Amino acid sequence: MTVDLNKMGQAAREASRQLALLGEQKKNQVLETVAQELLAKADEIIAANKVDLENATNMPEKFIDRLKIDNDRIAAMA
């Protein structure tokens, strides 16, 4: 899977602008939806992260620790 980081960054910037225009109640709804999606897709996220970790050879251990995503870290994000 190829990811265009420029497009992803532009989309994130636009989403943040749109989110800034929302009221508090709507922002909370959006954040709750994001949290639910993180939890629902935890297995997919962890599988993709496993590939990232496998490709992180020769990286410092502290970097690898920050890169690692597990169920506890997903729960903390959510």
PDB file of N, CA and C in Angstrom:
ATOM      1  N   MET A   1       0.845  -1.175   0.000  1.00  0.00           N
ATOM      2  CA  MET A   1       0.000   0.000   0.000  1.00  0.00           C
ATOM      3  C   MET A   1       0.888   1.235   0.000  1.00  0.00           C
ATOM      4  N   THR A   2       0.697   2.107  -0.946  1.00  0.00           N
ATOM      5  CA  THR A   2       1.453   3.342  -1.035  1.00  0.00           C
ATOM      6  C   THR A   2       0.631   4.468  -0.435  1.00  0.00           C
ATOM      7  N   VAL A   3       1.278   5.248   0.407  1.00  0.00           N
ATOM      8  CA  VAL A   3       0.598   6.350   1.074  1.00  0.00           C
ATOM      9  C   VAL A   3       1.221   7.655   0.605  1.00  0.00           C
ATOM     10  N   ASP A   4       0.394   8.574   0.146  1.00  0.00           N
ATOM     11  CA  ASP A   4       0.860   9.899  -0.243  1.00  0.00           C
ATOM     12  C   ASP A   4       0.777  10.785   0.993  1.00  0.00           C
ATOM     13  N   LEU A   5       1.921  10.995   1.637  1.00  0.00           N
ATOM     14  CA  LEU A   5       1.930  11.745   2.890  1.00  0.00           C
ATOM     15  C   LEU A   5       1.542  13.200   2.698  1.00  0.00           C
ATOM     16  N   ASN A   6       1.856  13.779   1.549  1.00  0.00           N
ATOM     17  CA  ASN A   6       1.444  15.162   1.289  1.00  0.00           C
ATOM     18  C   ASN A   6      -0.075  15.279   1.254  1.00  0.00           C
ATOM     19  N   LYS A   7      -0.727  14.359   0.539  1.00  0.00           N
ATOM     20  CA  LYS A   7      -2.191  14.384   0.473  1.00  0.00           C
ATOM     21  C   LYS A   7      -2.798  14.123   1.845  1.00  0.00           C
ATOM     22  N   MET A   8      -2.201  13.197   2.586  1.00  0.00           N
ATOM     23  CA  MET A   8      -2.705  12.890   3.916  1.00  0.00           C
ATOM     24  C   MET A   8      -2.568  14.120   4.828  1.00  0.00           C
ATOM     25  N   GLY A   9      -1.449  14.813   4.734  1.00  0.00           N
ATOM     26  CA  GLY A   9      -1.241  16.021   5.527  1.00  0.00           C
ATOM     27  C   GLY A   9      -2.219  17.118   5.164  1.00  0.00           C
ATOM     28  N   GLN A  10      -2.464  17.289   3.865  1.00  0.00           N
ATOM     29  CA  GLN A  10      -3.422  18.300   3.412  1.00  0.00           C
ATOM     30  C   GLN A  10      -4.828  17.969   3.907  1.00  0.00           C
ATOM     31  N   ALA A  11      -5.187  16.705   3.848  1.00  0.00           N
ATOM     32  CA  ALA A  11      -6.511  16.291   4.320  1.00  0.00           C
ATOM     33  C   ALA A  11      -6.641  16.514   5.827  1.00  0.00           C
ATOM     34  N   ALA A  12      -5.583  16.227   6.565  1.00  0.00           N
ATOM     35  CA  ALA A  12      -5.612  16.443   8.015  1.00  0.00           C
ATOM     36  C   ALA A  12      -5.733  17.928   8.336  1.00  0.00           C
ATOM     37  N   ARG A  13      -5.022  18.758   7.597  1.00  0.00           N
ATOM     38  CA  ARG A  13      -5.094  20.205   7.807  1.00  0.00           C
ATOM     39  C   ARG A  13      -6.509  20.714   7.541  1.00  0.00           C
ATOM     40  N   GLU A  14      -7.112  20.257   6.457  1.00  0.00           N
ATOM     41  CA  GLU A  14      -8.473  20.680   6.125  1.00  0.00           C
ATOM     42  C   GLU A  14      -9.462  20.180   7.179  1.00  0.00           C
ATOM     43  N   ALA A  15      -9.276  18.950   7.627  1.00  0.00           N
ATOM     44  CA  ALA A  15     -10.161  18.412   8.666  1.00  0.00           C
ATOM     45  C   ALA A  15     -10.038  19.216   9.954  1.00  0.00           C
ATOM     46  N   SER A  16      -8.826  19.634  10.295  1.00  0.00           N
ATOM     47  CA  SER A  16      -8.659  20.424  11.522  1.00  0.00           C
ATOM     48  C   SER A  16      -9.337  21.777  11.394  1.00  0.00           C
ATOM     49  N   ARG A  17      -9.300  22.350  10.205  1.00  0.00           N
ATOM     50  CA  ARG A  17     -10.001  23.623   9.978  1.00  0.00           C
ATOM     51  C   ARG A  17     -11.510  23.448  10.136  1.00  0.00           C
ATOM     52  N   GLN A  18     -12.030  22.381   9.572  1.00  0.00           N
ATOM     53  CA  GLN A  18     -13.463  22.113   9.679  1.00  0.00           C
ATOM     54  C   GLN A  18     -13.856  21.842  11.131  1.00  0.00           C
ATOM     55  N   LEU A  19     -13.030  21.089  11.832  1.00  0.00           N
ATOM     56  CA  LEU A  19     -13.312  20.775  13.229  1.00  0.00           C
ATOM     57  C   LEU A  19     -13.313  22.036  14.088  1.00  0.00           C
ATOM     58  N   ALA A  20     -12.436  22.977  13.771  1.00  0.00           N
ATOM     59  CA  ALA A  20     -12.358  24.226  14.535  1.00  0.00           C
ATOM     60  C   ALA A  20     -13.643  25.042  14.424  1.00  0.00           C
ATOM     61  N   LEU A  21     -14.386  24.851  13.349  1.00  0.00           N
ATOM     62  CA  LEU A  21     -15.619  25.607  13.134  1.00  0.00           C
ATOM     63  C   LEU A  21     -16.820  25.022  13.876  1.00  0.00           C
ATOM     64  N   LEU A  22     -16.676  23.810  14.376  1.00  0.00           N
ATOM     65  CA  LEU A  22     -17.790  23.134  15.030  1.00  0.00           C
ATOM     66  C   LEU A  22     -17.966  23.597  16.470  1.00  0.00           C
ATOM     67  N   GLY A  23     -19.182  23.468  16.961  1.00  0.00           N
ATOM     68  CA  GLY A  23     -19.460  23.750  18.364  1.00  0.00           C
ATOM     69  C   GLY A  23     -18.933  22.630  19.247  1.00  0.00           C
ATOM     70  N   GLU A  24     -18.922  22.880  20.544  1.00  0.00           N
ATOM     71  CA  GLU A  24     -18.367  21.915  21.497  1.00  0.00           C
ATOM     72  C   GLU A  24     -19.080  20.568  21.443  1.00  0.00           C
ATOM     73  N   GLN A  25     -20.399  20.571  21.370  1.00  0.00           N
ATOM     74  CA  GLN A  25     -21.151  19.313  21.351  1.00  0.00           C
ATOM     75  C   GLN A  25     -20.806  18.487  20.109  1.00  0.00           C
ATOM     76  N   LYS A  26     -20.736  19.129  18.962  1.00  0.00           N
ATOM     77  CA  LYS A  26     -20.417  18.414  17.720  1.00  0.00           C
ATOM     78  C   LYS A  26     -18.975  17.910  17.755  1.00  0.00           C
ATOM     79  N   LYS A  27     -18.050  18.723  18.281  1.00  0.00           N
ATOM     80  CA  LYS A  27     -16.656  18.276  18.407  1.00  0.00           C
ATOM     81  C   LYS A  27     -16.583  17.023  19.270  1.00  0.00           C
ATOM     82  N   ASN A  28     -17.318  17.026  20.371  1.00  0.00           N
ATOM     83  CA  ASN A  28     -17.317  15.859  21.247  1.00  0.00           C
ATOM     84  C   ASN A  28     -17.874  14.630  20.542  1.00  0.00           C
ATOM     85  N   GLN A  29     -18.904  14.815  19.712  1.00  0.00           N
ATOM     86  CA  GLN A  29     -19.456  13.700  18.931  1.00  0.00           C
ATOM     87  C   GLN A  29     -18.409  13.161  17.960  1.00  0.00           C
ATOM     88  N   VAL A  30     -17.704  14.055  17.290  1.00  0.00           N
ATOM     89  CA  VAL A  30     -16.667  13.642  16.340  1.00  0.00           C
ATOM     90  C   VAL A  30     -15.570  12.868  17.071  1.00  0.00           C
ATOM     91  N   LEU A  31     -15.111  13.393  18.199  1.00  0.00           N
ATOM     92  CA  LEU A  31     -14.058  12.721  18.960  1.00  0.00           C
ATOM     93  C   LEU A  31     -14.517  11.358  19.464  1.00  0.00           C
ATOM     94  N   GLU A  32     -15.767  11.246  19.868  1.00  0.00           N
ATOM     95  CA  GLU A  32     -16.300   9.961  20.317  1.00  0.00           C
ATOM     96  C   GLU A  32     -16.341   8.962  19.158  1.00  0.00           C
ATOM     97  N   THR A  33     -16.720   9.435  17.981  1.00  0.00           N
ATOM     98  CA  THR A  33     -16.741   8.570  16.799  1.00  0.00           C
ATOM     99  C   THR A  33     -15.335   8.091  16.454  1.00  0.00           C
ATOM    100  N   VAL A  34     -14.370   8.991  16.506  1.00  0.00           N
ATOM    101  CA  VAL A  34     -12.977   8.620  16.236  1.00  0.00           C
ATOM    102  C   VAL A  34     -12.511   7.575  17.251  1.00  0.00           C
ATOM    103  N   ALA A  35     -12.825   7.779  18.514  1.00  0.00           N
ATOM    104  CA  ALA A  35     -12.436   6.825  19.556  1.00  0.00           C
ATOM    105  C   ALA A  35     -13.047   5.449  19.293  1.00  0.00           C
ATOM    106  N   GLN A  36     -14.319   5.416  18.924  1.00  0.00           N
ATOM    107  CA  GLN A  36     -14.983   4.143  18.635  1.00  0.00           C
ATOM    108  C   GLN A  36     -14.335   3.446  17.438  1.00  0.00           C
ATOM    109  N   GLU A  37     -13.982   4.215  16.415  1.00  0.00           N
ATOM    110  CA  GLU A  37     -13.343   3.633  15.228  1.00  0.00           C
ATOM    111  C   GLU A  37     -11.959   3.083  15.557  1.00  0.00           C
ATOM    112  N   LEU A  38     -11.202   3.798  16.395  1.00  0.00           N
ATOM    113  CA  LEU A  38      -9.897   3.286  16.821  1.00  0.00           C
ATOM    114  C   LEU A  38     -10.047   1.925  17.485  1.00  0.00           C
ATOM    115  N   LEU A  39     -10.996   1.821  18.394  1.00  0.00           N
ATOM    116  CA  LEU A  39     -11.208   0.558  19.098  1.00  0.00           C
ATOM    117  C   LEU A  39     -11.714  -0.530  18.156  1.00  0.00           C
ATOM    118  N   ALA A  40     -12.605  -0.176  17.248  1.00  0.00           N
ATOM    119  CA  ALA A  40     -13.166  -1.152  16.313  1.00  0.00           C
ATOM    120  C   ALA A  40     -12.118  -1.677  15.335  1.00  0.00           C
ATOM    121  N   LYS A  41     -11.159  -0.845  14.999  1.00  0.00           N
ATOM    122  CA  LYS A  41     -10.149  -1.233  14.017  1.00  0.00           C
ATOM    123  C   LYS A  41      -8.805  -1.566  14.657  1.00  0.00           C
ATOM    124  N   ALA A  42      -8.823  -1.860  15.948  1.00  0.00           N
ATOM    125  CA  ALA A  42      -7.585  -2.134  16.680  1.00  0.00           C
ATOM    126  C   ALA A  42      -6.774  -3.256  16.040  1.00  0.00           C
ATOM    127  N   ASP A  43      -7.421  -4.335  15.638  1.00  0.00           N
ATOM    128  CA  ASP A  43      -6.688  -5.455  15.037  1.00  0.00           C
ATOM    129  C   ASP A  43      -5.983  -5.036  13.753  1.00  0.00           C
ATOM    130  N   GLU A  44      -6.660  -4.242  12.923  1.00  0.00           N
ATOM    131  CA  GLU A  44      -6.049  -3.756  11.679  1.00  0.00           C
ATOM    132  C   GLU A  44      -4.871  -2.834  11.975  1.00  0.00           C
ATOM    133  N   ILE A  45      -5.049  -1.958  12.948  1.00  0.00           N
ATOM    134  CA  ILE A  45      -3.993  -1.012  13.312  1.00  0.00           C
ATOM    135  C   ILE A  45      -2.769  -1.765  13.826  1.00  0.00           C
ATOM    136  N   ILE A  46      -3.000  -2.747  14.685  1.00  0.00           N
ATOM    137  CA  ILE A  46      -1.896  -3.520  15.252  1.00  0.00           C
ATOM    138  C   ILE A  46      -1.188  -4.328  14.170  1.00  0.00           C
ATOM    139  N   ALA A  47      -1.934  -4.888  13.229  1.00  0.00           N
ATOM    140  CA  ALA A  47      -1.320  -5.644  12.129  1.00  0.00           C
ATOM    141  C   ALA A  47      -0.449  -4.739  11.264  1.00  0.00           C
ATOM    142  N   ALA A  48      -0.940  -3.554  10.945  1.00  0.00           N
ATOM    143  CA  ALA A  48      -0.144  -2.611  10.150  1.00  0.00           C
ATOM    144  C   ALA A  48       1.078  -2.155  10.937  1.00  0.00           C
ATOM    145  N   ASN A  49       0.909  -1.967  12.234  1.00  0.00           N
ATOM    146  CA  ASN A  49       2.025  -1.554  13.078  1.00  0.00           C
ATOM    147  C   ASN A  49       3.093  -2.636  13.145  1.00  0.00           C
ATOM    148  N   LYS A  50       2.673  -3.892  13.102  1.00  0.00           N
ATOM    149  CA  LYS A  50       3.637  -4.996  13.110  1.00  0.00           C
ATOM    150  C   LYS A  50       4.567  -4.891  11.908  1.00  0.00           C
ATOM    151  N   VAL A  51       4.011  -4.557  10.757  1.00  0.00           N
ATOM    152  CA  VAL A  51       4.826  -4.366   9.549  1.00  0.00           C
ATOM    153  C   VAL A  51       5.797  -3.203   9.758  1.00  0.00           C
ATOM    154  N   ASP A  52       5.298  -2.109  10.325  1.00  0.00           N
ATOM    155  CA  ASP A  52       6.168  -0.964  10.601  1.00  0.00           C
ATOM    156  C   ASP A  52       7.317  -1.360  11.519  1.00  0.00           C
ATOM    157  N   LEU A  53       7.007  -2.128  12.554  1.00  0.00           N
ATOM    158  CA  LEU A  53       8.044  -2.559  13.490  1.00  0.00           C
ATOM    159  C   LEU A  53       9.060  -3.472  12.815  1.00  0.00           C
ATOM    160  N   GLU A  54       8.587  -4.347  11.939  1.00  0.00           N
ATOM    161  CA  GLU A  54       9.497  -5.230  11.207  1.00  0.00           C
ATOM    162  C   GLU A  54      10.421  -4.436  10.292  1.00  0.00           C
ATOM    163  N   ASN A  55       9.933  -3.317   9.770  1.00  0.00           N
ATOM    164  CA  ASN A  55      10.742  -2.472   8.889  1.00  0.00           C
ATOM    165  C   ASN A  55      11.628  -1.493   9.652  1.00  0.00           C
ATOM    166  N   ALA A  56      11.510  -1.474  10.961  1.00  0.00           N
ATOM    167  CA  ALA A  56      12.261  -0.516  11.772  1.00  0.00           C
ATOM    168  C   ALA A  56      13.577  -1.096  12.276  1.00  0.00           C
ATOM    169  N   THR A  57      14.142  -2.006  11.514  1.00  0.00           N
ATOM    170  CA  THR A  57      15.420  -2.581  11.920  1.00  0.00           C
ATOM    171  C   THR A  57      16.476  -1.484  11.940  1.00  0.00           C
ATOM    172  N   ASN A  58      17.443  -1.660  12.808  1.00  0.00           N
ATOM    173  CA  ASN A  58      18.547  -0.703  12.971  1.00  0.00           C
ATOM    174  C   ASN A  58      18.102   0.644  13.517  1.00  0.00           C
ATOM    175  N   MET A  59      16.910   0.718  14.053  1.00  0.00           N
ATOM    176  CA  MET A  59      16.450   1.949  14.689  1.00  0.00           C
ATOM    177  C   MET A  59      16.722   1.846  16.187  1.00  0.00           C
ATOM    178  N   PRO A  60      16.912   2.986  16.843  1.00  0.00           N
ATOM    179  CA  PRO A  60      17.129   2.952  18.299  1.00  0.00           C
ATOM    180  C   PRO A  60      15.927   2.346  19.027  1.00  0.00           C
ATOM    181  N   GLU A  61      16.204   1.667  20.120  1.00  0.00           N
ATOM    182  CA  GLU A  61      15.154   0.998  20.892  1.00  0.00           C
ATOM    183  C   GLU A  61      14.081   1.978  21.364  1.00  0.00           C
ATOM    184  N   LYS A  62      14.474   3.188  21.738  1.00  0.00           N
ATOM    185  CA  LYS A  62      13.492   4.191  22.175  1.00  0.00           C
ATOM    186  C   LYS A  62      12.541   4.549  21.036  1.00  0.00           C
ATOM    187  N   PHE A  63      13.068   4.635  19.820  1.00  0.00           N
ATOM    188  CA  PHE A  63      12.231   4.923  18.651  1.00  0.00           C
ATOM    189  C   PHE A  63      11.232   3.795  18.440  1.00  0.00           C
ATOM    190  N   ILE A  64      11.718   2.568  18.521  1.00  0.00           N
ATOM    191  CA  ILE A  64      10.854   1.409  18.311  1.00  0.00           C
ATOM    192  C   ILE A  64       9.765   1.360  19.383  1.00  0.00           C
ATOM    193  N   ASP A  65      10.123   1.683  20.626  1.00  0.00           N
ATOM    194  CA  ASP A  65       9.117   1.695  21.688  1.00  0.00           C
ATOM    195  C   ASP A  65       8.036   2.731  21.411  1.00  0.00           C
ATOM    196  N   ARG A  66       8.417   3.911  20.928  1.00  0.00           N
ATOM    197  CA  ARG A  66       7.422   4.943  20.604  1.00  0.00           C
ATOM    198  C   ARG A  66       6.577   4.542  19.404  1.00  0.00           C
ATOM    199  N   LEU A  67       7.165   3.767  18.493  1.00  0.00           N
ATOM    200  CA  LEU A  67       6.456   3.331  17.294  1.00  0.00           C
ATOM    201  C   LEU A  67       5.425   2.242  17.599  1.00  0.00           C
ATOM    202  N   LYS A  68       5.708   1.435  18.612  1.00  0.00           N
ATOM    203  CA  LYS A  68       4.862   0.272  18.904  1.00  0.00           C
ATOM    204  C   LYS A  68       3.459   0.683  19.353  1.00  0.00           C
ATOM    205  N   ILE A  69       2.477   0.050  18.729  1.00  0.00           N
ATOM    206  CA  ILE A  69       1.074   0.254  19.096  1.00  0.00           C
ATOM    207  C   ILE A  69       0.502  -1.098  19.512  1.00  0.00           C
ATOM    208  N   ASP A  70      -0.087  -1.129  20.692  1.00  0.00           N
ATOM    209  CA  ASP A  70      -0.757  -2.337  21.168  1.00  0.00           C
ATOM    210  C   ASP A  70      -2.142  -1.941  21.685  1.00  0.00           C
ATOM    211  N   ASN A  71      -2.874  -2.911  22.195  1.00  0.00           N
ATOM    212  CA  ASN A  71      -4.236  -2.625  22.660  1.00  0.00           C
ATOM    213  C   ASN A  71      -4.266  -1.566  23.760  1.00  0.00           C
ATOM    214  N   ASP A  72      -3.283  -1.597  24.659  1.00  0.00           N
ATOM    215  CA  ASP A  72      -3.246  -0.596  25.730  1.00  0.00           C
ATOM    216  C   ASP A  72      -3.050   0.807  25.167  1.00  0.00           C
ATOM    217  N   ARG A  73      -2.175   0.936  24.193  1.00  0.00           N
ATOM    218  CA  ARG A  73      -1.926   2.257  23.609  1.00  0.00           C
ATOM    219  C   ARG A  73      -3.126   2.739  22.795  1.00  0.00           C
ATOM    220  N   ILE A  74      -3.780   1.830  22.119  1.00  0.00           N
ATOM    221  CA  ILE A  74      -4.991   2.220  21.382  1.00  0.00           C
ATOM    222  C   ILE A  74      -6.071   2.671  22.363  1.00  0.00           C
ATOM    223  N   ALA A  75      -6.223   1.943  23.458  1.00  0.00           N
ATOM    224  CA  ALA A  75      -7.210   2.330  24.471  1.00  0.00           C
ATOM    225  C   ALA A  75      -6.884   3.710  25.039  1.00  0.00           C
ATOM    226  N   ALA A  76      -5.606   4.000  25.233  1.00  0.00           N
ATOM    227  CA  ALA A  76      -5.211   5.314  25.745  1.00  0.00           C
ATOM    228  C   ALA A  76      -5.515   6.416  24.734  1.00  0.00           C
ATOM    229  N   MET A  77      -5.367   6.107  23.449  1.00  0.00           N
ATOM    230  CA  MET A  77      -5.686   7.086  22.403  1.00  0.00           C
ATOM    231  C   MET A  77      -7.185   7.349  22.348  1.00  0.00           C
ATOM    232  N   ALA A  78      -7.956   6.289  22.565  1.00  0.00           N
ATOM    233  CA  ALA A  78      -9.412   6.391  22.457  1.00  0.00           C
ATOM    234  C   ALA A  78      -9.985   7.065  23.678  1.00  0.00           C
TER     235      ALA A  78
END
